[in-house]
Amino acid sequence: MRSIFLYLLLFPLLANAQGSIALTLSEAEVLWQQHSRELRLGQAAVVGAAADVKAAGQRPNPDVSLNTLSISPWSGYGAGGWKDKKMDTQLRLDQLVERGGKRDLRIKGAEARLEAAGFDADDIARQQLGALRNAYYNVRLAQEKLTLARETAALYAKSAEAGRLRQKAGDIAPVDLSRLQIDQARADSDARQAQAELEHAQGELAYLLGLESEAGKLVATDNWPALEEQALAAAPIDQRPDLEAARRRLTAAEADRDLARARKKRDVTVGVQLEHNLQNAPTNSYGFGVSMPLFIWHEYEGEIARAEADLDVARLQFEQQQAQAVGQVAHARNALLAARERYRRLEGGLLADAERVAKAAEFAYAKGAMGLMDLLDSRRTLRQIQIEAASARADYAKALSDWQIQAEFRKLK
């Protein structure tokens, strides 16, 4: 444990000395909200859905037409200006009048989809917050593993150097020196692997923060969350944004089904006309007209059937997401309980026992009371327990974050 505490004290100072970017989790969340591409995509979808609402409420524009008739190339067009030509001119204005509440149904569906887009944005934020916290804790774990690996490599290097001196003095056999050198090589390889894991974790965190060019400078400085024994009380599952979005899409599908049925109500086109006639005596006349479609070949049966099918799909998707949400909350709860128990077991004495045994083995070997193989075994055991303890802290931190996100549904503003 002493090495871990020393790391916690010195790592931020070393990071600052090397020009790194030291971040607490709360600072990382602020950067994430400012630079997350996923959050911006979610908000862009909301803006697009708002534009759809505006378009759905627009009434059909009228049509205007100008027609010139009775042009005869045999009798001539007549002398004089345009108004004196022997032609008829018609100016017509037509307006489509929708019936059956189609406009209101379009607005209802678009507004439901706008609300769904807003909840989708909230759900994206919820999921991405979990991804951010996992990435942050992965960096924190990789830093701790790298510290342990470097300490182990330094210890084996020191032991190998001492072994070479003792072998020259005849205190140990050449085969024992070879074992020390093999373990030193393994420790060096583990340190290089730990460095690669840290760089990978930094890259994932940097993407979420929009700091890809500075990924290698990121340092996670927060301590691990303290072990808590709180009761795991979940919020009502219906408050989840993904379920709210699915519910709004179900409303939109119902509106689309009603809109498809409303197409059986014939729309009417009303028109007025001004005609200027110059064939004989100049005269102006007026007229109006009404037109509507004839349902001879179909009455939109295909469109209605499609809308009914889409509504059934929306219902099934809502039920599916409800079932998945129940399973996700249960999984998050079980994962947190398991991680908490593992954390408690390691911190409850197992790690301290391993450190005590390793310290005693080092002392006994130095006094000649223990063989080299027993010393190496105690070192490997200690390192495995230290890595397991670090992983247990990380797993608990991730499980706690996942439970909070699954059960509390914090809405980001």
Protein backbone atom coordinates (compact mmCIF):
# COMPACT_ATOMS: atom_id res chain seq x y z
CA MET A 1 0.00 0.00 0.00
CA ARG A 2 2.88 2.37 0.72
CA SER A 3 3.89 2.40 -2.95
CA ILE A 4 0.33 3.23 -3.98
CA PHE A 5 0.12 6.12 -1.56
CA LEU A 6 3.51 7.36 -2.73
CA TYR A 7 2.24 7.24 -6.31
CA LEU A 8 -0.86 9.21 -5.39
CA LEU A 9 1.27 11.90 -3.79
CA LEU A 10 3.95 12.17 -6.44
CA PHE A 11 2.17 11.46 -9.72
CA PRO A 12 0.40 14.87 -10.01
CA LEU A 13 3.68 16.65 -9.27
CA LEU A 14 5.52 14.62 -11.89
CA ALA A 15 2.72 15.21 -14.37
CA ASN A 16 2.87 18.97 -13.93
CA ALA A 17 6.65 18.91 -14.18
CA GLN A 18 6.38 17.16 -17.54
CA GLY A 19 3.77 19.59 -18.89
CA SER A 20 0.92 17.10 -18.59
CA ILE A 21 -2.77 17.85 -18.16
CA ALA A 22 -3.92 16.78 -14.69
CA LEU A 23 -7.69 16.24 -14.55
CA THR A 24 -10.16 15.41 -11.83
CA LEU A 25 -13.28 13.55 -12.90
CA SER A 26 -15.44 16.66 -12.50
CA GLU A 27 -13.03 18.66 -14.68
CA ALA A 28 -13.12 15.91 -17.29
CA GLU A 29 -16.92 16.02 -17.30
CA VAL A 30 -16.86 19.79 -17.93
CA LEU A 31 -14.51 19.34 -20.90
CA TRP A 32 -16.66 16.48 -22.18
CA GLN A 33 -19.81 18.61 -22.14
CA GLN A 34 -17.98 21.34 -24.05
CA HIS A 35 -16.36 19.15 -26.71
CA SER A 36 -18.32 15.90 -27.05
CA ARG A 37 -19.19 15.22 -30.67
CA GLU A 38 -21.93 12.80 -29.64
CA LEU A 39 -23.66 15.46 -27.55
CA ARG A 40 -23.52 17.90 -30.46
CA LEU A 41 -24.99 15.30 -32.80
CA GLY A 42 -27.86 14.73 -30.37
CA GLN A 43 -28.58 18.45 -30.19
CA ALA A 44 -28.40 18.73 -34.00
CA ALA A 45 -31.09 16.04 -34.24
CA VAL A 46 -33.29 18.12 -31.89
CA VAL A 47 -32.83 21.19 -34.10
CA GLY A 48 -33.82 19.16 -37.15
CA ALA A 49 -36.91 17.79 -35.40
CA ALA A 50 -37.92 21.34 -34.45
CA ALA A 51 -37.69 22.30 -38.12
CA ASP A 52 -39.97 19.34 -38.95
CA VAL A 53 -42.58 20.70 -36.55
CA LYS A 54 -42.48 24.04 -38.33
CA ALA A 55 -42.81 22.37 -41.71
CA ALA A 56 -45.70 20.18 -40.52
CA GLY A 57 -47.72 23.24 -39.50
CA GLN A 58 -47.38 25.04 -42.81
CA ARG A 59 -50.50 25.23 -44.96
CA PRO A 60 -50.23 24.41 -48.70
CA ASN A 61 -49.18 27.37 -50.81
CA PRO A 62 -51.60 28.51 -53.53
CA ASP A 63 -50.79 28.01 -57.22
CA VAL A 64 -50.99 30.87 -59.71
CA SER A 65 -51.09 30.35 -63.48
CA LEU A 66 -51.14 32.63 -66.53
CA ASN A 67 -52.36 31.17 -69.83
CA THR A 68 -52.55 32.72 -73.30
CA LEU A 69 -55.18 31.16 -75.64
CA SER A 70 -56.67 31.48 -79.13
CA ILE A 71 -53.40 32.19 -80.92
CA SER A 72 -53.91 31.66 -84.66
CA PRO A 73 -51.00 31.87 -87.10
CA TRP A 74 -53.45 32.15 -90.10
CA SER A 75 -55.53 35.10 -88.98
CA GLY A 76 -52.63 37.03 -87.47
CA TYR A 77 -52.18 38.40 -84.04
CA GLY A 78 -53.39 41.90 -84.72
CA ALA A 79 -51.62 45.24 -84.70
CA GLY A 80 -50.70 47.38 -81.76
CA GLY A 81 -49.34 46.60 -78.34
CA TRP A 82 -49.69 43.43 -76.37
CA LYS A 83 -53.07 44.39 -74.95
CA ASP A 84 -54.39 44.90 -78.51
CA LYS A 85 -53.38 41.46 -79.78
CA LYS A 86 -56.16 39.07 -80.80
CA MET A 87 -55.55 36.57 -78.00
CA ASP A 88 -57.29 35.48 -74.83
CA THR A 89 -55.41 35.67 -71.51
CA GLN A 90 -56.36 33.79 -68.34
CA LEU A 91 -55.07 34.48 -64.85
CA ARG A 92 -55.96 31.73 -62.35
CA LEU A 93 -55.38 31.23 -58.62
CA ASP A 94 -55.87 27.76 -56.99
CA GLN A 95 -55.75 26.86 -53.30
CA LEU A 96 -55.72 23.34 -51.85
CA VAL A 97 -57.98 22.96 -48.81
CA GLU A 98 -57.07 19.98 -46.64
CA ARG A 99 -59.83 18.05 -44.90
CA GLY A 100 -59.91 15.42 -42.18
CA GLY A 101 -57.59 17.25 -39.75
CA LYS A 102 -54.47 16.34 -41.71
CA ARG A 103 -52.51 19.42 -40.65
CA ASP A 104 -53.25 18.88 -36.97
CA LEU A 105 -52.20 15.24 -37.25
CA ARG A 106 -48.95 16.20 -38.97
CA ILE A 107 -48.22 18.68 -36.18
CA LYS A 108 -49.04 16.09 -33.51
CA GLY A 109 -46.67 13.54 -35.03
CA ALA A 110 -43.88 16.07 -35.54
CA GLU A 111 -44.18 17.39 -31.99
CA ALA A 112 -44.00 13.85 -30.61
CA ARG A 113 -40.87 13.19 -32.68
CA LEU A 114 -39.36 16.45 -31.41
CA GLU A 115 -39.91 15.33 -27.82
CA ALA A 116 -38.43 11.93 -28.70
CA ALA A 117 -35.35 13.64 -30.16
CA GLY A 118 -34.94 15.59 -26.92
CA PHE A 119 -35.08 12.41 -24.86
CA ASP A 120 -32.71 10.74 -27.32
CA ALA A 121 -30.23 13.56 -26.67
CA ASP A 122 -30.62 12.97 -22.92
CA ASP A 123 -30.05 9.25 -23.40
CA ILE A 124 -26.95 9.91 -25.51
CA ALA A 125 -25.66 12.11 -22.70
CA ARG A 126 -26.43 9.37 -20.17
CA GLN A 127 -24.59 6.70 -22.16
CA GLN A 128 -21.67 8.94 -23.04
CA LEU A 129 -21.29 9.99 -19.40
CA GLY A 130 -20.85 6.33 -18.55
CA ALA A 131 -18.30 5.97 -21.35
CA LEU A 132 -16.43 9.03 -20.08
CA ARG A 133 -16.25 7.73 -16.52
CA ASN A 134 -15.11 4.31 -17.69
CA ALA A 135 -12.40 5.92 -19.84
CA TYR A 136 -11.28 8.11 -16.92
CA TYR A 137 -11.06 5.15 -14.55
CA ASN A 138 -9.23 3.14 -17.23
CA VAL A 139 -6.58 5.87 -17.35
CA ARG A 140 -6.42 5.90 -13.55
CA LEU A 141 -5.99 2.11 -13.46
CA ALA A 142 -3.39 2.13 -16.23
CA GLN A 143 -1.39 4.77 -14.34
CA GLU A 144 -1.42 2.62 -11.22
CA LYS A 145 -0.42 -0.51 -13.14
CA LEU A 146 2.43 1.37 -14.78
CA THR A 147 3.68 2.56 -11.39
CA LEU A 148 3.57 -0.99 -10.03
CA ALA A 149 5.30 -2.34 -13.14
CA ARG A 150 8.07 0.23 -12.93
CA GLU A 151 8.59 -0.41 -9.23
CA THR A 152 8.77 -4.15 -9.90
CA ALA A 153 11.19 -3.66 -12.79
CA ALA A 154 13.40 -1.45 -10.62
CA LEU A 155 13.34 -4.05 -7.82
CA TYR A 156 14.34 -6.87 -10.18
CA ALA A 157 17.06 -4.73 -11.73
CA LYS A 158 18.46 -4.05 -8.27
CA SER A 159 18.23 -7.75 -7.37
CA ALA A 160 19.93 -8.78 -10.62
CA GLU A 161 22.76 -6.33 -10.02
CA ALA A 162 23.20 -7.62 -6.47
CA GLY A 163 23.01 -11.17 -7.79
CA ARG A 164 25.86 -10.54 -10.21
CA LEU A 165 28.02 -9.26 -7.38
CA ARG A 166 27.12 -12.23 -5.18
CA GLN A 167 27.76 -14.67 -8.02
CA LYS A 168 31.25 -13.24 -8.47
CA ALA A 169 31.81 -13.68 -4.77
CA GLY A 170 30.52 -17.26 -4.98
CA ASP A 171 27.45 -16.66 -2.76
CA ILE A 172 24.91 -17.83 -5.35
CA ALA A 173 24.98 -20.26 -8.21
CA PRO A 174 24.98 -19.09 -11.85
CA VAL A 175 21.56 -20.66 -12.34
CA ASP A 176 20.11 -18.42 -9.63
CA LEU A 177 21.56 -15.37 -11.35
CA SER A 178 19.94 -16.52 -14.59
CA ARG A 179 16.58 -16.76 -12.84
CA LEU A 180 16.95 -13.22 -11.53
CA GLN A 181 17.84 -11.96 -14.99
CA ILE A 182 14.87 -13.78 -16.56
CA ASP A 183 12.50 -12.20 -14.04
CA GLN A 184 14.11 -8.82 -14.68
CA ALA A 185 13.45 -9.19 -18.41
CA ARG A 186 9.83 -10.15 -17.70
CA ALA A 187 9.42 -7.16 -15.42
CA ASP A 188 10.83 -4.83 -18.08
CA SER A 189 8.45 -6.32 -20.65
CA ASP A 190 5.50 -5.87 -18.26
CA ALA A 191 6.48 -2.23 -17.76
CA ARG A 192 6.52 -1.62 -21.51
CA GLN A 193 3.11 -3.33 -21.85
CA ALA A 194 1.74 -1.19 -19.01
CA GLN A 195 2.97 1.92 -20.82
CA ALA A 196 1.20 0.82 -23.99
CA GLU A 197 -2.02 0.20 -22.05
CA LEU A 198 -1.81 3.67 -20.54
CA GLU A 199 -1.34 5.27 -23.94
CA HIS A 200 -4.37 3.38 -25.28
CA ALA A 201 -6.50 4.46 -22.32
CA GLN A 202 -5.35 8.06 -22.73
CA GLY A 203 -6.34 7.97 -26.40
CA GLU A 204 -9.88 6.83 -25.58
CA LEU A 205 -10.29 9.52 -22.92
CA ALA A 206 -8.80 12.19 -25.20
CA TYR A 207 -11.38 11.45 -27.91
CA LEU A 208 -14.26 12.00 -25.50
CA LEU A 209 -12.70 15.27 -24.31
CA GLY A 210 -11.79 16.54 -27.78
CA LEU A 211 -8.07 16.54 -26.89
CA GLU A 212 -6.72 13.97 -29.34
CA SER A 213 -3.54 15.92 -30.02
CA GLU A 214 -2.72 15.97 -26.29
CA ALA A 215 -3.72 12.41 -25.39
CA GLY A 216 -0.30 11.51 -23.99
CA LYS A 217 -0.47 14.41 -21.54
CA LEU A 218 -3.70 13.38 -19.80
CA VAL A 219 -3.36 12.39 -16.14
CA ALA A 220 -6.25 11.19 -13.97
CA THR A 221 -5.73 12.61 -10.46
CA ASP A 222 -8.92 11.63 -8.60
CA ASN A 223 -8.69 8.96 -5.92
CA TRP A 224 -10.82 5.86 -6.22
CA PRO A 225 -14.36 6.17 -4.85
CA ALA A 226 -14.59 5.15 -1.21
CA LEU A 227 -16.29 1.86 -0.45
CA GLU A 228 -19.92 2.53 0.48
CA GLU A 229 -22.55 0.31 2.04
CA GLN A 230 -25.55 2.29 0.86
CA ALA A 231 -28.81 0.64 -0.09
CA LEU A 232 -29.30 0.29 -3.82
CA ALA A 233 -32.61 2.05 -4.43
CA ALA A 234 -33.40 2.61 -8.11
CA ALA A 235 -35.57 5.41 -9.47
CA PRO A 236 -38.80 4.48 -11.30
CA ILE A 237 -37.74 2.89 -14.56
CA ASP A 238 -40.29 4.85 -16.60
CA GLN A 239 -38.19 7.97 -16.05
CA ARG A 240 -35.41 6.66 -18.27
CA PRO A 241 -34.93 8.93 -21.30
CA ASP A 242 -34.72 6.03 -23.75
CA LEU A 243 -38.13 4.78 -22.61
CA GLU A 244 -39.57 8.29 -22.76
CA ALA A 245 -38.25 8.59 -26.33
CA ALA A 246 -39.83 5.25 -27.28
CA ARG A 247 -43.13 6.36 -25.76
CA ARG A 248 -43.09 9.56 -27.82
CA ARG A 249 -42.34 7.59 -30.97
CA LEU A 250 -45.35 5.44 -30.21
CA THR A 251 -47.46 8.60 -30.04
CA ALA A 252 -45.98 9.77 -33.34
CA ALA A 253 -46.78 6.41 -34.96
CA GLU A 254 -50.38 6.69 -33.79
CA ALA A 255 -50.60 10.16 -35.32
CA ASP A 256 -49.12 8.84 -38.58
CA ARG A 257 -51.69 6.02 -38.62
CA ASP A 258 -54.52 8.53 -38.12
CA LEU A 259 -53.02 10.73 -40.84
CA ALA A 260 -52.98 7.81 -43.28
CA ARG A 261 -56.63 7.10 -42.53
CA ALA A 262 -57.46 10.79 -42.98
CA ARG A 263 -56.29 10.59 -46.60
CA LYS A 264 -59.62 8.95 -47.36
CA LYS A 265 -61.15 12.38 -46.73
CA ARG A 266 -60.95 14.09 -50.11
CA ASP A 267 -59.04 17.35 -50.22
CA VAL A 268 -60.63 20.14 -52.25
CA THR A 269 -58.92 22.57 -54.59
CA VAL A 270 -60.71 25.91 -54.98
CA GLY A 271 -59.80 28.28 -57.80
CA VAL A 272 -60.76 31.72 -59.11
CA GLN A 273 -60.08 33.01 -62.64
CA LEU A 274 -59.85 36.25 -64.61
CA GLU A 275 -60.08 36.01 -68.42
CA HIS A 276 -59.24 38.87 -70.79
CA ASN A 277 -60.76 38.21 -74.30
CA LEU A 278 -59.66 40.16 -77.42
CA GLN A 279 -61.04 37.93 -80.19
CA ASN A 280 -63.96 40.22 -80.96
CA ALA A 281 -64.73 43.08 -78.64
CA PRO A 282 -62.43 43.37 -75.66
CA THR A 283 -64.15 41.81 -72.69
CA ASN A 284 -63.18 40.64 -69.19
CA SER A 285 -64.85 37.69 -67.52
CA TYR A 286 -64.54 35.97 -64.19
CA GLY A 287 -64.99 32.43 -62.97
CA PHE A 288 -64.31 29.96 -60.22
CA GLY A 289 -63.86 26.22 -59.95
CA VAL A 290 -63.68 23.34 -57.50
CA SER A 291 -61.82 20.05 -57.99
CA MET A 292 -61.28 16.93 -55.92
CA PRO A 293 -59.73 13.50 -56.55
CA LEU A 294 -61.77 10.48 -57.61
CA PHE A 295 -61.02 7.31 -55.66
CA ILE A 296 -61.35 4.97 -58.61
CA TRP A 297 -58.21 2.84 -58.47
CA HIS A 298 -57.46 2.92 -54.74
CA GLU A 299 -58.37 4.56 -51.46
CA TYR A 300 -54.86 4.59 -49.95
CA GLU A 301 -55.20 1.06 -48.60
CA GLY A 302 -51.44 0.46 -48.94
CA GLU A 303 -50.50 3.63 -47.06
CA ILE A 304 -52.94 2.82 -44.27
CA ALA A 305 -51.66 -0.76 -43.95
CA ARG A 306 -48.09 0.52 -43.82
CA ALA A 307 -48.94 3.01 -41.07
CA GLU A 308 -50.68 0.26 -39.09
CA ALA A 309 -47.58 -1.94 -39.39
CA ASP A 310 -45.31 0.92 -38.28
CA LEU A 311 -47.54 1.44 -35.26
CA ASP A 312 -47.26 -2.24 -34.34
CA VAL A 313 -43.47 -2.01 -34.65
CA ALA A 314 -43.40 1.07 -32.40
CA ARG A 315 -45.44 -0.80 -29.75
CA LEU A 316 -43.13 -3.82 -29.90
CA GLN A 317 -40.01 -1.63 -29.71
CA PHE A 318 -41.40 0.13 -26.65
CA GLU A 319 -42.09 -3.20 -24.94
CA GLN A 320 -38.64 -4.44 -25.97
CA GLN A 321 -36.90 -1.39 -24.50
CA GLN A 322 -38.87 -1.72 -21.27
CA ALA A 323 -37.71 -5.32 -20.88
CA GLN A 324 -34.12 -4.38 -21.72
CA ALA A 325 -34.17 -1.53 -19.22
CA VAL A 326 -35.28 -3.87 -16.43
CA GLY A 327 -32.46 -6.25 -17.32
CA GLN A 328 -29.87 -3.47 -17.49
CA VAL A 329 -30.78 -2.14 -14.06
CA ALA A 330 -30.67 -5.63 -12.57
CA HIS A 331 -27.30 -6.30 -14.21
CA ALA A 332 -25.89 -3.01 -12.94
CA ARG A 333 -27.07 -3.80 -9.41
CA ASN A 334 -25.55 -7.29 -9.42
CA ALA A 335 -22.28 -6.00 -10.88
CA LEU A 336 -22.03 -3.35 -8.17
CA LEU A 337 -22.70 -5.86 -5.38
CA ALA A 338 -20.06 -8.24 -6.77
CA ALA A 339 -17.49 -5.46 -7.22
CA ARG A 340 -18.17 -4.18 -3.72
CA GLU A 341 -17.65 -7.61 -2.19
CA ARG A 342 -14.38 -8.12 -4.11
CA TYR A 343 -13.17 -4.66 -3.10
CA ARG A 344 -14.00 -5.36 0.56
CA ARG A 345 -12.20 -8.70 0.51
CA LEU A 346 -8.98 -7.27 -0.91
CA GLU A 347 -8.91 -4.16 1.21
CA GLY A 348 -9.96 -6.10 4.29
CA GLY A 349 -6.51 -7.63 4.79
CA LEU A 350 -5.51 -9.70 1.78
CA LEU A 351 -3.36 -6.96 0.27
CA ALA A 352 -1.75 -6.11 3.61
CA ASP A 353 -1.00 -9.79 4.21
CA ALA A 354 0.67 -10.12 0.82
CA GLU A 355 2.84 -7.07 1.48
CA ARG A 356 3.80 -8.41 4.90
CA VAL A 357 4.76 -11.80 3.46
CA ALA A 358 6.81 -10.22 0.67
CA LYS A 359 8.66 -7.98 3.13
CA ALA A 360 9.45 -10.95 5.34
CA ALA A 361 10.67 -12.93 2.33
CA GLU A 362 13.02 -10.12 1.28
CA PHE A 363 14.44 -9.98 4.79
CA ALA A 364 14.83 -13.75 5.04
CA TYR A 365 16.55 -13.99 1.66
CA ALA A 366 18.95 -11.21 2.60
CA LYS A 367 19.87 -13.18 5.73
CA GLY A 368 20.23 -16.41 3.80
CA ALA A 369 17.22 -18.04 5.45
CA MET A 370 15.16 -18.41 2.25
CA GLY A 371 15.88 -19.71 -1.21
CA LEU A 372 15.70 -17.65 -4.38
CA MET A 373 12.68 -19.48 -5.78
CA ASP A 374 10.64 -18.76 -2.65
CA LEU A 375 11.63 -15.08 -2.85
CA LEU A 376 10.61 -14.83 -6.48
CA ASP A 377 7.30 -16.53 -5.74
CA SER A 378 6.54 -14.06 -2.95
CA ARG A 379 7.33 -11.15 -5.27
CA ARG A 380 5.06 -12.50 -8.01
CA THR A 381 2.27 -13.10 -5.51
CA LEU A 382 2.55 -9.57 -4.15
CA ARG A 383 2.49 -8.06 -7.62
CA GLN A 384 -0.53 -10.15 -8.61
CA ILE A 385 -2.39 -9.10 -5.46
CA GLN A 386 -1.48 -5.44 -6.02
CA ILE A 387 -2.74 -5.56 -9.61
CA GLU A 388 -5.88 -7.39 -8.50
CA ALA A 389 -6.49 -4.76 -5.83
CA ALA A 390 -6.08 -1.94 -8.36
CA SER A 391 -8.43 -3.72 -10.77
CA ALA A 392 -10.94 -4.26 -7.95
CA ARG A 393 -10.93 -0.52 -7.17
CA ALA A 394 -11.43 0.27 -10.85
CA ASP A 395 -14.21 -2.31 -11.23
CA TYR A 396 -15.99 -0.92 -8.18
CA ALA A 397 -15.68 2.65 -9.48
CA LYS A 398 -17.08 1.64 -12.88
CA ALA A 399 -19.87 -0.46 -11.38
CA LEU A 400 -20.85 2.37 -9.02
CA SER A 401 -20.93 4.83 -11.94
CA ASP A 402 -22.95 2.43 -14.08
CA TRP A 403 -25.47 1.88 -11.28
CA GLN A 404 -25.87 5.62 -10.79
CA ILE A 405 -26.40 6.15 -14.51
CA GLN A 406 -28.78 3.22 -14.89
CA ALA A 407 -30.79 3.90 -11.76
CA GLU A 408 -30.68 7.64 -11.15
CA PHE A 409 -31.09 8.96 -14.74
CA ARG A 410 -29.31 12.23 -14.07
CA LYS A 411 -30.29 14.70 -16.77
CA LEU A 412 -27.47 16.93 -18.03
CA LYS A 413 -28.20 20.56 -18.73
